Amino acid sequence: MIKYLPEDVSVTFAEIPTEITLSINLSLCIRCCPGCHSPYLQKDIGKELTFYIIDCLLFRHHGITCVLFLGGDNDKETLVTFAEYIRDKSDVKIGWYSGEDELDLDHYGRYFDYIKVGSYKKDLGGLDSPTTNQRLYKISKDKINLHIEDITNLFWKKINK
């Protein structure tokens, strides 16, 4: 089961570079990373995410270019079902912030346009740190192949000298 927090749904411009992103925080996180910025998402809280709720969110947030699930490692099959549903209903891109250090990008890349992998390690920093262990991948598809591009560096601020 996938649960989300209705009060944590927001439109953001920073989670996926170049996208107007509807960010949906999912609870029941199984990662429990030390130093997590949202430890409350480790709890069994929120409401069950359903196709009806996805329809309502897409309607309410007309104009977004991406739907991003933050979490969902506890029920990847249902998360993939939601991604397929959104793909069938809309032309928005779909992203997933997973906390797994290793994820089969060739498999999950068939369902998502963006995938972030990597547990949070405070000493390495988040996506905005050049020393991070986390990676954000942009995935494009042609008729035969997946193309996986690491776009993590788009989060790093350029320093003018």
Foldseek 3Di string as FASTA:
>chain_A
DKFWAPVPFDFDDQPDDPWREGETETACAPQCFPPDPCVVSVDPDHGDDDLVVVVVVCVVPPPTQEYEYEGDPVPVPVVLVVLVSCVVVHNHFYEYEYQALDDPCQVCVVRHQKYKYHHDDPVQDDLQGPSDSIWMWGWDDDPPDIDIDTPSCVSYDDDDD
